Amino acid sequence: MITVLLVDDHDVVRAGLRTLLERAGGVEVVGEAATAAAARVEALRTKPDVVVLDVRLPDGSGVEVCRDIRAERPETKVLMLTSFADDEALFASIMAGAAGYLLKESRAQALLSAVMTAAAGGSLLDPALTQRVFERLRSGTSGAADPLAQLSAQERRILELIAEGKTNREIAAQVYLSDKTVKHYVSNILGKLQISRRSEAAAVWARSHPSEAADKAP
């Protein structure tokens, strides 16, 4: 029996997924969550084989939840589910260790196959969505090293705001995230850049955007 945790902020979507999976047989939905915080708690409580996880959640990024779940319990596989073919989210999902990335418009059989494949330890990533990401990865290894290349679009935006001297609270208000989520983003940014201080992060951004930094200088 494959155990599954469903994470989506829409009750109707979760209900539809539950019905679809349980009708197929051999699958048991062991939990549901509507937020990033609840998803982390439920993943620890239920220890599912597979998590079907919405990329965008009201209190944070599904990609960050994926990374946290995989770090805490690597044997749990994560399938990212989204309404939009977003290259940045796809790239981030792959880097976070997702086993698959599916559009919500995918057919029922595609979702079922993805759950089965993920539970068996396989990888199922939509070729139409991932081709551009793999091209980006290949091109990224051939040119000069860019310290910001490993950051997502959201992380680069937050880094820019750090460089402007904004506090976590001010950043949260500007990008419509909670203070806690912004703190998590800042921690990830510092970790990826292998630095420990916000001032160092600001310096990295300034070196990568010398003309913009000059424009913003007093």
N, C-alpha and C. Protein backbone atom coordinates (compact mmCIF):
# COMPACT_ATOMS: atom_id res chain seq x y z
N MET A 1 0.84 -1.20 0.00
CA MET A 1 0.00 0.00 0.00
C MET A 1 0.87 1.25 0.00
N ILE A 2 0.66 2.14 -0.96
CA ILE A 2 1.41 3.38 -1.04
C ILE A 2 0.69 4.45 -0.22
N THR A 3 1.41 5.08 0.70
CA THR A 3 0.80 6.14 1.52
C THR A 3 1.14 7.51 0.94
N VAL A 4 0.13 8.38 0.93
CA VAL A 4 0.27 9.69 0.28
C VAL A 4 -0.23 10.80 1.19
N LEU A 5 0.50 11.91 1.21
CA LEU A 5 0.08 13.14 1.89
C LEU A 5 -0.25 14.17 0.82
N LEU A 6 -1.42 14.80 0.92
CA LEU A 6 -1.86 15.80 -0.05
C LEU A 6 -1.72 17.19 0.55
N VAL A 7 -1.05 18.09 -0.19
CA VAL A 7 -0.85 19.45 0.30
C VAL A 7 -1.30 20.45 -0.78
N ASP A 8 -2.40 21.13 -0.49
CA ASP A 8 -2.93 22.16 -1.40
C ASP A 8 -3.86 23.04 -0.58
N ASP A 9 -3.86 24.33 -0.87
CA ASP A 9 -4.68 25.22 -0.05
C ASP A 9 -6.15 25.25 -0.47
N HIS A 10 -6.51 24.50 -1.50
CA HIS A 10 -7.90 24.44 -1.94
C HIS A 10 -8.52 23.10 -1.54
N ASP A 11 -9.58 23.16 -0.73
CA ASP A 11 -10.25 21.94 -0.27
C ASP A 11 -10.73 21.08 -1.43
N VAL A 12 -11.26 21.74 -2.47
CA VAL A 12 -11.81 21.00 -3.61
C VAL A 12 -10.72 20.21 -4.33
N VAL A 13 -9.55 20.81 -4.46
CA VAL A 13 -8.43 20.12 -5.12
C VAL A 13 -8.01 18.90 -4.31
N ARG A 14 -7.89 19.07 -3.01
CA ARG A 14 -7.49 17.93 -2.16
C ARG A 14 -8.53 16.82 -2.21
N ALA A 15 -9.81 17.20 -2.19
CA ALA A 15 -10.88 16.20 -2.23
C ALA A 15 -10.84 15.43 -3.54
N GLY A 16 -10.61 16.16 -4.63
CA GLY A 16 -10.54 15.51 -5.94
C GLY A 16 -9.37 14.56 -6.04
N LEU A 17 -8.22 14.98 -5.52
CA LEU A 17 -7.03 14.13 -5.55
C LEU A 17 -7.23 12.89 -4.68
N ARG A 18 -7.83 13.08 -3.51
CA ARG A 18 -8.08 11.94 -2.62
C ARG A 18 -8.97 10.91 -3.31
N THR A 19 -10.05 11.37 -3.91
CA THR A 19 -10.97 10.46 -4.59
C THR A 19 -10.28 9.73 -5.73
N LEU A 20 -9.51 10.48 -6.52
CA LEU A 20 -8.80 9.90 -7.66
C LEU A 20 -7.82 8.82 -7.22
N LEU A 21 -7.04 9.11 -6.21
CA LEU A 21 -6.01 8.17 -5.78
C LEU A 21 -6.59 6.94 -5.09
N GLU A 22 -7.57 7.15 -4.22
CA GLU A 22 -8.11 6.02 -3.46
C GLU A 22 -8.97 5.10 -4.32
N ARG A 23 -9.59 5.65 -5.37
CA ARG A 23 -10.35 4.80 -6.29
C ARG A 23 -9.44 3.88 -7.08
N ALA A 24 -8.20 4.29 -7.28
CA ALA A 24 -7.28 3.50 -8.09
C ALA A 24 -6.87 2.21 -7.40
N GLY A 25 -6.97 2.18 -6.05
CA GLY A 25 -6.57 1.00 -5.31
C GLY A 25 -5.06 0.96 -5.09
N GLY A 26 -4.66 0.45 -3.96
CA GLY A 26 -3.24 0.36 -3.65
C GLY A 26 -2.65 1.64 -3.13
N VAL A 27 -3.50 2.65 -2.93
CA VAL A 27 -3.04 3.94 -2.43
C VAL A 27 -3.90 4.35 -1.25
N GLU A 28 -3.26 4.83 -0.18
CA GLU A 28 -3.98 5.33 0.98
C GLU A 28 -3.54 6.76 1.26
N VAL A 29 -4.49 7.68 1.28
CA VAL A 29 -4.19 9.07 1.63
C VAL A 29 -4.18 9.15 3.15
N VAL A 30 -3.01 9.38 3.72
CA VAL A 30 -2.85 9.32 5.18
C VAL A 30 -2.92 10.70 5.84
N GLY A 31 -2.99 11.74 5.04
CA GLY A 31 -3.07 13.07 5.62
C GLY A 31 -3.27 14.15 4.58
N GLU A 32 -3.70 15.32 5.04
CA GLU A 32 -3.89 16.47 4.18
C GLU A 32 -3.38 17.72 4.89
N ALA A 33 -2.98 18.72 4.11
CA ALA A 33 -2.55 19.99 4.68
C ALA A 33 -2.85 21.10 3.69
N ALA A 34 -3.14 22.28 4.23
CA ALA A 34 -3.47 23.43 3.38
C ALA A 34 -2.40 24.51 3.41
N THR A 35 -1.42 24.37 4.29
CA THR A 35 -0.38 25.39 4.43
C THR A 35 1.00 24.73 4.50
N ALA A 36 2.04 25.55 4.31
CA ALA A 36 3.41 25.05 4.40
C ALA A 36 3.71 24.54 5.80
N ALA A 37 3.28 25.29 6.81
CA ALA A 37 3.53 24.90 8.20
C ALA A 37 2.87 23.56 8.52
N ALA A 38 1.61 23.41 8.11
CA ALA A 38 0.89 22.16 8.37
C ALA A 38 1.50 21.01 7.59
N ALA A 39 2.00 21.29 6.40
CA ALA A 39 2.60 20.23 5.58
C ALA A 39 3.82 19.63 6.27
N ARG A 40 4.65 20.50 6.85
CA ARG A 40 5.84 20.01 7.55
C ARG A 40 5.46 19.12 8.74
N VAL A 41 4.43 19.55 9.48
CA VAL A 41 3.97 18.79 10.65
C VAL A 41 3.40 17.44 10.21
N GLU A 42 2.54 17.47 9.19
CA GLU A 42 1.89 16.23 8.73
C GLU A 42 2.90 15.27 8.11
N ALA A 43 3.90 15.79 7.43
CA ALA A 43 4.91 14.91 6.83
C ALA A 43 5.68 14.15 7.91
N LEU A 44 5.97 14.83 9.02
CA LEU A 44 6.65 14.18 10.13
C LEU A 44 5.74 13.18 10.83
N ARG A 45 4.46 13.55 10.95
CA ARG A 45 3.51 12.69 11.67
C ARG A 45 3.17 11.43 10.89
N THR A 46 2.89 11.59 9.60
CA THR A 46 2.38 10.47 8.80
C THR A 46 3.48 9.67 8.10
N LYS A 47 4.65 10.27 7.91
CA LYS A 47 5.77 9.60 7.22
C LYS A 47 5.30 8.92 5.92
N PRO A 48 4.76 9.70 4.99
CA PRO A 48 4.21 9.11 3.77
C PRO A 48 5.29 8.65 2.79
N ASP A 49 4.89 7.77 1.89
CA ASP A 49 5.79 7.37 0.81
C ASP A 49 5.94 8.50 -0.19
N VAL A 50 4.82 9.20 -0.45
CA VAL A 50 4.79 10.26 -1.45
C VAL A 50 4.02 11.46 -0.91
N VAL A 51 4.54 12.65 -1.18
CA VAL A 51 3.81 13.89 -0.89
C VAL A 51 3.46 14.55 -2.22
N VAL A 52 2.18 14.83 -2.43
CA VAL A 52 1.74 15.60 -3.60
C VAL A 52 1.59 17.02 -3.11
N LEU A 53 2.45 17.91 -3.58
CA LEU A 53 2.66 19.21 -2.94
C LEU A 53 2.47 20.37 -3.91
N ASP A 54 1.57 21.29 -3.58
CA ASP A 54 1.37 22.48 -4.39
C ASP A 54 2.60 23.38 -4.29
N VAL A 55 3.02 23.95 -5.41
CA VAL A 55 4.20 24.82 -5.42
C VAL A 55 3.95 26.09 -4.63
N ARG A 56 2.73 26.64 -4.75
CA ARG A 56 2.43 27.91 -4.09
C ARG A 56 1.44 27.69 -2.94
N LEU A 57 1.86 28.05 -1.74
CA LEU A 57 1.02 27.91 -0.56
C LEU A 57 0.86 29.28 0.10
N PRO A 58 -0.21 29.48 0.86
CA PRO A 58 -0.50 30.81 1.40
C PRO A 58 0.55 31.36 2.37
N ASP A 59 1.30 30.47 3.01
CA ASP A 59 2.26 30.94 4.01
C ASP A 59 3.71 30.63 3.64
N GLY A 60 3.94 30.29 2.38
CA GLY A 60 5.31 30.00 1.99
C GLY A 60 5.41 29.24 0.69
N SER A 61 6.62 28.87 0.34
CA SER A 61 6.90 28.19 -0.92
C SER A 61 6.85 26.67 -0.75
N GLY A 62 6.13 26.00 -1.65
CA GLY A 62 6.12 24.56 -1.63
C GLY A 62 7.50 23.97 -1.90
N VAL A 63 8.31 24.71 -2.64
CA VAL A 63 9.67 24.25 -2.93
C VAL A 63 10.48 24.14 -1.63
N GLU A 64 10.32 25.13 -0.76
CA GLU A 64 11.02 25.09 0.53
C GLU A 64 10.51 23.94 1.39
N VAL A 65 9.21 23.69 1.32
CA VAL A 65 8.64 22.55 2.06
C VAL A 65 9.24 21.25 1.53
N CYS A 66 9.35 21.16 0.21
CA CYS A 66 9.95 19.98 -0.41
C CYS A 66 11.36 19.77 0.11
N ARG A 67 12.15 20.82 0.13
CA ARG A 67 13.53 20.72 0.60
C ARG A 67 13.58 20.26 2.06
N ASP A 68 12.68 20.82 2.88
CA ASP A 68 12.67 20.46 4.30
C ASP A 68 12.26 19.00 4.51
N ILE A 69 11.25 18.57 3.76
CA ILE A 69 10.77 17.19 3.90
C ILE A 69 11.87 16.21 3.47
N ARG A 70 12.52 16.51 2.36
CA ARG A 70 13.57 15.63 1.85
C ARG A 70 14.78 15.60 2.80
N ALA A 71 15.06 16.73 3.44
CA ALA A 71 16.18 16.78 4.38
C ALA A 71 15.87 15.96 5.64
N GLU A 72 14.61 16.05 6.09
CA GLU A 72 14.20 15.35 7.31
C GLU A 72 14.02 13.85 7.07
N ARG A 73 13.47 13.50 5.89
CA ARG A 73 13.18 12.10 5.61
C ARG A 73 13.40 11.81 4.11
N PRO A 74 14.61 11.53 3.70
CA PRO A 74 14.94 11.36 2.28
C PRO A 74 14.13 10.29 1.56
N GLU A 75 13.63 9.30 2.32
CA GLU A 75 12.88 8.23 1.67
C GLU A 75 11.49 8.67 1.21
N THR A 76 11.02 9.80 1.72
CA THR A 76 9.74 10.35 1.25
C THR A 76 9.96 11.05 -0.09
N LYS A 77 9.18 10.69 -1.08
CA LYS A 77 9.28 11.30 -2.40
C LYS A 77 8.27 12.43 -2.52
N VAL A 78 8.62 13.46 -3.27
CA VAL A 78 7.75 14.63 -3.39
C VAL A 78 7.42 14.90 -4.85
N LEU A 79 6.13 15.03 -5.14
CA LEU A 79 5.66 15.42 -6.46
C LEU A 79 5.12 16.85 -6.37
N MET A 80 5.69 17.77 -7.11
CA MET A 80 5.23 19.15 -7.11
C MET A 80 4.06 19.29 -8.08
N LEU A 81 3.04 19.99 -7.64
CA LEU A 81 1.83 20.18 -8.43
C LEU A 81 1.55 21.67 -8.57
N THR A 82 1.30 22.12 -9.80
CA THR A 82 1.09 23.55 -10.00
C THR A 82 0.15 23.83 -11.16
N SER A 83 -0.40 25.03 -11.17
CA SER A 83 -1.29 25.45 -12.26
C SER A 83 -0.52 26.12 -13.39
N PHE A 84 0.75 26.46 -13.13
CA PHE A 84 1.52 27.25 -14.08
C PHE A 84 2.84 26.58 -14.45
N ALA A 85 3.19 26.64 -15.73
CA ALA A 85 4.47 26.12 -16.21
C ALA A 85 5.54 27.17 -15.95
N ASP A 86 6.07 27.19 -14.74
CA ASP A 86 7.02 28.21 -14.29
C ASP A 86 8.43 27.63 -14.27
N ASP A 87 9.29 28.12 -15.17
CA ASP A 87 10.66 27.60 -15.26
C ASP A 87 11.42 27.75 -13.96
N GLU A 88 11.25 28.89 -13.29
CA GLU A 88 11.98 29.13 -12.04
C GLU A 88 11.57 28.13 -10.96
N ALA A 89 10.25 27.91 -10.84
CA ALA A 89 9.77 26.97 -9.83
C ALA A 89 10.21 25.55 -10.18
N LEU A 90 10.21 25.22 -11.47
CA LEU A 90 10.65 23.90 -11.89
C LEU A 90 12.12 23.69 -11.57
N PHE A 91 12.94 24.68 -11.91
CA PHE A 91 14.37 24.60 -11.61
C PHE A 91 14.59 24.43 -10.11
N ALA A 92 13.88 25.24 -9.32
CA ALA A 92 14.03 25.17 -7.86
C ALA A 92 13.55 23.81 -7.33
N SER A 93 12.49 23.27 -7.92
CA SER A 93 11.96 21.98 -7.48
C SER A 93 12.96 20.86 -7.72
N ILE A 94 13.59 20.89 -8.89
CA ILE A 94 14.60 19.89 -9.20
C ILE A 94 15.75 19.98 -8.20
N MET A 95 16.19 21.21 -7.93
CA MET A 95 17.30 21.40 -7.00
C MET A 95 16.92 21.02 -5.57
N ALA A 96 15.61 21.10 -5.24
CA ALA A 96 15.15 20.75 -3.90
C ALA A 96 14.94 19.25 -3.73
N GLY A 97 15.08 18.49 -4.82
CA GLY A 97 14.99 17.05 -4.72
C GLY A 97 13.64 16.45 -5.06
N ALA A 98 12.79 17.22 -5.74
CA ALA A 98 11.47 16.70 -6.13
C ALA A 98 11.62 15.55 -7.12
N ALA A 99 10.75 14.56 -6.99
CA ALA A 99 10.77 13.41 -7.90
C ALA A 99 9.97 13.69 -9.16
N GLY A 100 9.11 14.70 -9.10
CA GLY A 100 8.28 15.01 -10.26
C GLY A 100 7.67 16.37 -10.16
N TYR A 101 7.24 16.89 -11.30
CA TYR A 101 6.65 18.23 -11.37
C TYR A 101 5.53 18.15 -12.40
N LEU A 102 4.29 18.28 -11.94
CA LEU A 102 3.15 18.09 -12.82
C LEU A 102 2.22 19.30 -12.82
N LEU A 103 1.61 19.56 -13.96
CA LEU A 103 0.59 20.59 -14.03
C LEU A 103 -0.73 20.03 -13.52
N LYS A 104 -1.53 20.89 -12.89
CA LYS A 104 -2.83 20.44 -12.37
C LYS A 104 -3.77 20.01 -13.49
N GLU A 105 -3.48 20.46 -14.71
CA GLU A 105 -4.32 20.07 -15.85
C GLU A 105 -3.94 18.70 -16.40
N SER A 106 -2.92 18.07 -15.81
CA SER A 106 -2.51 16.74 -16.25
C SER A 106 -3.66 15.75 -16.10
N ARG A 107 -3.69 14.75 -16.94
CA ARG A 107 -4.75 13.75 -16.87
C ARG A 107 -4.60 12.89 -15.61
N ALA A 108 -5.73 12.32 -15.19
CA ALA A 108 -5.75 11.52 -13.97
C ALA A 108 -4.73 10.39 -14.03
N GLN A 109 -4.63 9.73 -15.18
CA GLN A 109 -3.71 8.61 -15.30
C GLN A 109 -2.26 9.06 -15.14
N ALA A 110 -1.97 10.28 -15.59
CA ALA A 110 -0.61 10.80 -15.46
C ALA A 110 -0.24 10.98 -13.99
N LEU A 111 -1.19 11.49 -13.21
CA LEU A 111 -0.95 11.68 -11.78
C LEU A 111 -0.77 10.34 -11.08
N LEU A 112 -1.63 9.39 -11.39
CA LEU A 112 -1.52 8.07 -10.79
C LEU A 112 -0.18 7.43 -11.11
N SER A 113 0.22 7.52 -12.38
CA SER A 113 1.50 6.94 -12.80
C SER A 113 2.66 7.62 -12.07
N ALA A 114 2.53 8.94 -11.89
CA ALA A 114 3.58 9.68 -11.20
C ALA A 114 3.73 9.22 -9.76
N VAL A 115 2.61 9.02 -9.07
CA VAL A 115 2.65 8.56 -7.68
C VAL A 115 3.28 7.18 -7.60
N MET A 116 2.88 6.29 -8.51
CA MET A 116 3.44 4.94 -8.51
C MET A 116 4.94 4.96 -8.80
N THR A 117 5.33 5.78 -9.78
CA THR A 117 6.74 5.86 -10.16
C THR A 117 7.58 6.44 -9.02
N ALA A 118 7.07 7.50 -8.41
CA ALA A 118 7.79 8.14 -7.31
C ALA A 118 7.94 7.18 -6.13
N ALA A 119 6.86 6.48 -5.79
CA ALA A 119 6.89 5.54 -4.67
C ALA A 119 7.90 4.42 -4.90
N ALA A 120 8.09 4.08 -6.19
CA ALA A 120 9.04 3.01 -6.53
C ALA A 120 10.48 3.53 -6.61
N GLY A 121 10.65 4.83 -6.35
CA GLY A 121 11.99 5.40 -6.36
C GLY A 121 12.41 6.00 -7.67
N GLY A 122 11.46 6.07 -8.62
CA GLY A 122 11.78 6.63 -9.93
C GLY A 122 11.59 8.14 -9.97
N SER A 123 11.97 8.73 -11.09
CA SER A 123 11.82 10.17 -11.29
C SER A 123 10.89 10.41 -12.46
N LEU A 124 9.91 11.27 -12.27
CA LEU A 124 8.96 11.57 -13.33
C LEU A 124 8.83 13.08 -13.44
N LEU A 125 9.53 13.65 -14.42
CA LEU A 125 9.48 15.08 -14.67
C LEU A 125 8.98 15.31 -16.08
N ASP A 126 7.98 16.15 -16.22
CA ASP A 126 7.35 16.42 -17.50
C ASP A 126 8.40 16.92 -18.50
N PRO A 127 8.68 16.17 -19.59
CA PRO A 127 9.73 16.56 -20.54
C PRO A 127 9.52 17.95 -21.14
N ALA A 128 8.26 18.29 -21.41
CA ALA A 128 7.96 19.59 -22.02
C ALA A 128 8.36 20.73 -21.09
N LEU A 129 8.26 20.51 -19.79
CA LEU A 129 8.60 21.54 -18.82
C LEU A 129 10.08 21.54 -18.45
N THR A 130 10.69 20.37 -18.45
CA THR A 130 12.06 20.28 -17.94
C THR A 130 13.14 20.53 -18.99
N GLN A 131 12.80 20.44 -20.26
CA GLN A 131 13.82 20.59 -21.30
C GLN A 131 14.58 21.91 -21.16
N ARG A 132 13.83 23.00 -20.96
CA ARG A 132 14.47 24.31 -20.86
C ARG A 132 15.36 24.39 -19.61
N VAL A 133 14.94 23.70 -18.56
CA VAL A 133 15.73 23.73 -17.33
C VAL A 133 17.05 23.00 -17.52
N PHE A 134 17.03 21.84 -18.19
CA PHE A 134 18.26 21.11 -18.41
C PHE A 134 19.19 21.89 -19.34
N GLU A 135 18.61 22.61 -20.31
CA GLU A 135 19.43 23.46 -21.18
C GLU A 135 20.08 24.57 -20.35
N ARG A 136 19.32 25.10 -19.41
CA ARG A 136 19.86 26.14 -18.54
C ARG A 136 20.98 25.61 -17.67
N LEU A 137 20.82 24.39 -17.15
CA LEU A 137 21.86 23.78 -16.34
C LEU A 137 23.13 23.56 -17.15
N ARG A 138 22.96 23.06 -18.40
CA ARG A 138 24.11 22.82 -19.26
C ARG A 138 24.84 24.11 -19.59
N SER A 139 24.07 25.16 -19.96
CA SER A 139 24.69 26.43 -20.32
C SER A 139 25.33 27.08 -19.12
N GLY A 140 24.77 26.83 -17.95
CA GLY A 140 25.31 27.44 -16.73
C GLY A 140 26.67 26.89 -16.35
N THR A 141 26.99 25.69 -16.85
CA THR A 141 28.28 25.10 -16.50
C THR A 141 29.37 25.49 -17.48
N SER A 142 29.00 26.17 -18.61
CA SER A 142 29.98 26.45 -19.64
C SER A 142 30.52 27.87 -19.57
N GLY A 143 29.85 28.77 -18.87
CA GLY A 143 30.27 30.14 -18.85
C GLY A 143 30.97 30.51 -17.56
N ALA A 144 31.23 31.80 -17.40
CA ALA A 144 31.87 32.27 -16.18
C ALA A 144 30.95 32.05 -15.00
N ALA A 145 31.54 31.77 -13.85
CA ALA A 145 30.74 31.48 -12.67
C ALA A 145 30.00 32.74 -12.21
N ASP A 146 28.71 32.59 -11.99
CA ASP A 146 27.88 33.69 -11.49
C ASP A 146 27.40 33.29 -10.11
N PRO A 147 27.81 34.00 -9.06
CA PRO A 147 27.43 33.61 -7.71
C PRO A 147 25.93 33.61 -7.48
N LEU A 148 25.17 34.35 -8.30
CA LEU A 148 23.73 34.43 -8.12
C LEU A 148 22.97 33.41 -8.96
N ALA A 149 23.68 32.66 -9.80
CA ALA A 149 23.01 31.73 -10.71
C ALA A 149 22.22 30.65 -9.97
N GLN A 150 22.69 30.30 -8.76
CA GLN A 150 22.03 29.23 -8.01
C GLN A 150 20.80 29.72 -7.25
N LEU A 151 20.56 31.03 -7.25
CA LEU A 151 19.41 31.58 -6.54
C LEU A 151 18.18 31.59 -7.42
N SER A 152 17.02 31.36 -6.82
CA SER A 152 15.77 31.46 -7.55
C SER A 152 15.44 32.93 -7.77
N ALA A 153 14.44 33.19 -8.61
CA ALA A 153 14.05 34.57 -8.88
C ALA A 153 13.62 35.27 -7.59
N GLN A 154 12.89 34.55 -6.74
CA GLN A 154 12.44 35.14 -5.47
C GLN A 154 13.62 35.43 -4.56
N GLU A 155 14.60 34.52 -4.53
CA GLU A 155 15.78 34.74 -3.69
C GLU A 155 16.60 35.92 -4.20
N ARG A 156 16.70 36.07 -5.51
CA ARG A 156 17.44 37.22 -6.06
C ARG A 156 16.73 38.53 -5.73
N ARG A 157 15.39 38.51 -5.76
CA ARG A 157 14.63 39.71 -5.42
C ARG A 157 14.86 40.08 -3.95
N ILE A 158 14.83 39.08 -3.08
CA ILE A 158 15.06 39.33 -1.66
C ILE A 158 16.49 39.80 -1.42
N LEU A 159 17.45 39.23 -2.16
CA LEU A 159 18.83 39.67 -2.03
C LEU A 159 18.97 41.14 -2.43
N GLU A 160 18.26 41.54 -3.47
CA GLU A 160 18.30 42.95 -3.90
C GLU A 160 17.77 43.86 -2.79
N LEU A 161 16.69 43.43 -2.13
CA LEU A 161 16.12 44.22 -1.05
C LEU A 161 17.04 44.26 0.16
N ILE A 162 17.76 43.16 0.40
CA ILE A 162 18.77 43.16 1.46
C ILE A 162 19.83 44.21 1.14
N ALA A 163 20.24 44.24 -0.14
CA ALA A 163 21.26 45.19 -0.56
C ALA A 163 20.79 46.64 -0.41
N GLU A 164 19.48 46.84 -0.45
CA GLU A 164 18.91 48.18 -0.25
C GLU A 164 18.81 48.53 1.23
N GLY A 165 19.19 47.59 2.09
CA GLY A 165 19.20 47.86 3.52
C GLY A 165 17.88 47.61 4.23
N LYS A 166 16.97 46.90 3.58
CA LYS A 166 15.66 46.67 4.18
C LYS A 166 15.72 45.55 5.21
N THR A 167 14.90 45.66 6.23
CA THR A 167 14.79 44.63 7.27
C THR A 167 13.91 43.49 6.77
N ASN A 168 13.92 42.37 7.48
CA ASN A 168 13.07 41.25 7.10
C ASN A 168 11.60 41.65 7.06
N ARG A 169 11.18 42.47 8.03
CA ARG A 169 9.79 42.90 8.07
C ARG A 169 9.43 43.75 6.85
N GLU A 170 10.35 44.63 6.48
CA GLU A 170 10.10 45.48 5.31
C GLU A 170 10.09 44.66 4.02
N ILE A 171 10.98 43.67 3.96
CA ILE A 171 11.00 42.79 2.79
C ILE A 171 9.71 41.99 2.71
N ALA A 172 9.26 41.48 3.86
CA ALA A 172 8.03 40.68 3.90
C ALA A 172 6.84 41.47 3.37
N ALA A 173 6.76 42.74 3.75
CA ALA A 173 5.66 43.58 3.30
C ALA A 173 5.72 43.82 1.80
N GLN A 174 6.93 43.92 1.27
CA GLN A 174 7.08 44.23 -0.14
C GLN A 174 6.84 43.03 -1.05
N VAL A 175 7.19 41.83 -0.60
CA VAL A 175 7.03 40.64 -1.45
C VAL A 175 5.85 39.77 -1.01
N TYR A 176 5.07 40.28 -0.05
CA TYR A 176 3.83 39.61 0.39
C TYR A 176 4.09 38.21 0.96
N LEU A 177 5.08 38.12 1.84
CA LEU A 177 5.37 36.89 2.55
C LEU A 177 5.40 37.18 4.05
N SER A 178 5.36 36.14 4.86
CA SER A 178 5.46 36.34 6.30
C SER A 178 6.91 36.62 6.70
N ASP A 179 7.08 37.25 7.87
CA ASP A 179 8.43 37.51 8.37
C ASP A 179 9.23 36.21 8.48
N LYS A 180 8.56 35.16 8.94
CA LYS A 180 9.24 33.88 9.14
C LYS A 180 9.72 33.30 7.81
N THR A 181 8.87 33.42 6.77
CA THR A 181 9.25 32.90 5.46
C THR A 181 10.43 33.68 4.89
N VAL A 182 10.42 35.01 5.07
CA VAL A 182 11.53 35.82 4.59
C VAL A 182 12.81 35.44 5.33
N LYS A 183 12.71 35.22 6.64
CA LYS A 183 13.88 34.80 7.42
C LYS A 183 14.46 33.51 6.87
N HIS A 184 13.56 32.60 6.48
CA HIS A 184 13.98 31.32 5.91
C HIS A 184 14.69 31.56 4.58
N TYR A 185 14.12 32.45 3.76
CA TYR A 185 14.74 32.78 2.47
C TYR A 185 16.14 33.36 2.69
N VAL A 186 16.25 34.29 3.62
CA VAL A 186 17.54 34.93 3.89
C VAL A 186 18.57 33.88 4.32
N SER A 187 18.15 32.96 5.17
CA SER A 187 19.05 31.89 5.61
C SER A 187 19.52 31.05 4.43
N ASN A 188 18.59 30.72 3.53
CA ASN A 188 18.94 29.93 2.34
C ASN A 188 19.90 30.69 1.44
N ILE A 189 19.65 31.99 1.28
CA ILE A 189 20.52 32.82 0.43
C ILE A 189 21.95 32.84 0.98
N LEU A 190 22.07 33.08 2.28
CA LEU A 190 23.39 33.11 2.90
C LEU A 190 24.09 31.76 2.76
N GLY A 191 23.31 30.69 2.93
CA GLY A 191 23.89 29.35 2.80
C GLY A 191 24.38 29.07 1.39
N LYS A 192 23.56 29.42 0.39
CA LYS A 192 23.94 29.17 -1.00
C LYS A 192 25.17 29.99 -1.40
N LEU A 193 25.25 31.22 -0.88
CA LEU A 193 26.38 32.08 -1.21
C LEU A 193 27.60 31.81 -0.32
N GLN A 194 27.41 30.91 0.66
CA GLN A 194 28.48 30.52 1.58
C GLN A 194 29.05 31.72 2.34
N ILE A 195 28.13 32.52 2.85
CA ILE A 195 28.50 33.68 3.67
C ILE A 195 27.63 33.66 4.92
N SER A 196 27.93 34.55 5.87
CA SER A 196 27.20 34.50 7.13
C SER A 196 26.51 35.82 7.50
N ARG A 197 26.81 36.90 6.78
CA ARG A 197 26.26 38.20 7.16
C ARG A 197 25.50 38.85 6.02
N ARG A 198 24.48 39.63 6.39
CA ARG A 198 23.69 40.35 5.40
C ARG A 198 24.56 41.36 4.64
N SER A 199 25.52 41.96 5.33
CA SER A 199 26.38 42.93 4.67
C SER A 199 27.20 42.27 3.56
N GLU A 200 27.60 41.02 3.79
CA GLU A 200 28.34 40.29 2.76
C GLU A 200 27.43 39.97 1.58
N ALA A 201 26.17 39.66 1.88
CA ALA A 201 25.21 39.39 0.82
C ALA A 201 25.00 40.63 -0.04
N ALA A 202 24.89 41.77 0.62
CA ALA A 202 24.73 43.03 -0.11
C ALA A 202 25.93 43.29 -1.01
N ALA A 203 27.10 42.94 -0.53
CA ALA A 203 28.32 43.14 -1.32
C ALA A 203 28.33 42.24 -2.55
N VAL A 204 27.87 41.01 -2.39
CA VAL A 204 27.79 40.08 -3.52
C VAL A 204 26.85 40.64 -4.59
N TRP A 205 25.70 41.13 -4.14
CA TRP A 205 24.74 41.70 -5.09
C TRP A 205 25.34 42.92 -5.79
N ALA A 206 26.05 43.77 -5.04
CA ALA A 206 26.64 44.97 -5.63
C ALA A 206 27.67 44.62 -6.68
N ARG A 207 28.46 43.57 -6.42
CA ARG A 207 29.48 43.16 -7.40
C ARG A 207 28.83 42.61 -8.67
N SER A 208 27.66 41.98 -8.52
CA SER A 208 26.98 41.41 -9.68
C SER A 208 26.18 42.44 -10.45
N HIS A 209 25.85 43.58 -9.80
CA HIS A 209 25.05 44.64 -10.42
C HIS A 209 25.72 45.99 -10.16
N PRO A 210 26.94 46.18 -10.66
CA PRO A 210 27.67 47.41 -10.35
C PRO A 210 26.97 48.70 -10.77
N SER A 211 26.31 48.70 -11.93
CA SER A 211 25.65 49.92 -12.39
C SER A 211 24.44 50.24 -11.54
N GLU A 212 23.68 49.21 -11.14
CA GLU A 212 22.50 49.44 -10.30
C GLU A 212 22.93 49.88 -8.91
N ALA A 213 23.99 49.28 -8.41
CA ALA A 213 24.48 49.65 -7.08
C ALA A 213 24.93 51.12 -7.07
N ALA A 214 25.55 51.54 -8.16
CA ALA A 214 26.01 52.93 -8.27
C ALA A 214 24.84 53.88 -8.29
N ASP A 215 23.77 53.49 -8.99
CA ASP A 215 22.58 54.33 -9.08
C ASP A 215 21.93 54.51 -7.72
N LYS A 216 22.02 53.47 -6.86
CA LYS A 216 21.34 53.52 -5.56
C LYS A 216 22.23 54.09 -4.46
N ALA A 217 23.49 54.34 -4.81
CA ALA A 217 24.41 54.88 -3.81
C ALA A 217 24.03 56.30 -3.47
N PRO A 218 24.17 56.72 -2.20
CA PRO A 218 23.80 58.07 -1.82
C PRO A 218 24.72 59.11 -2.43
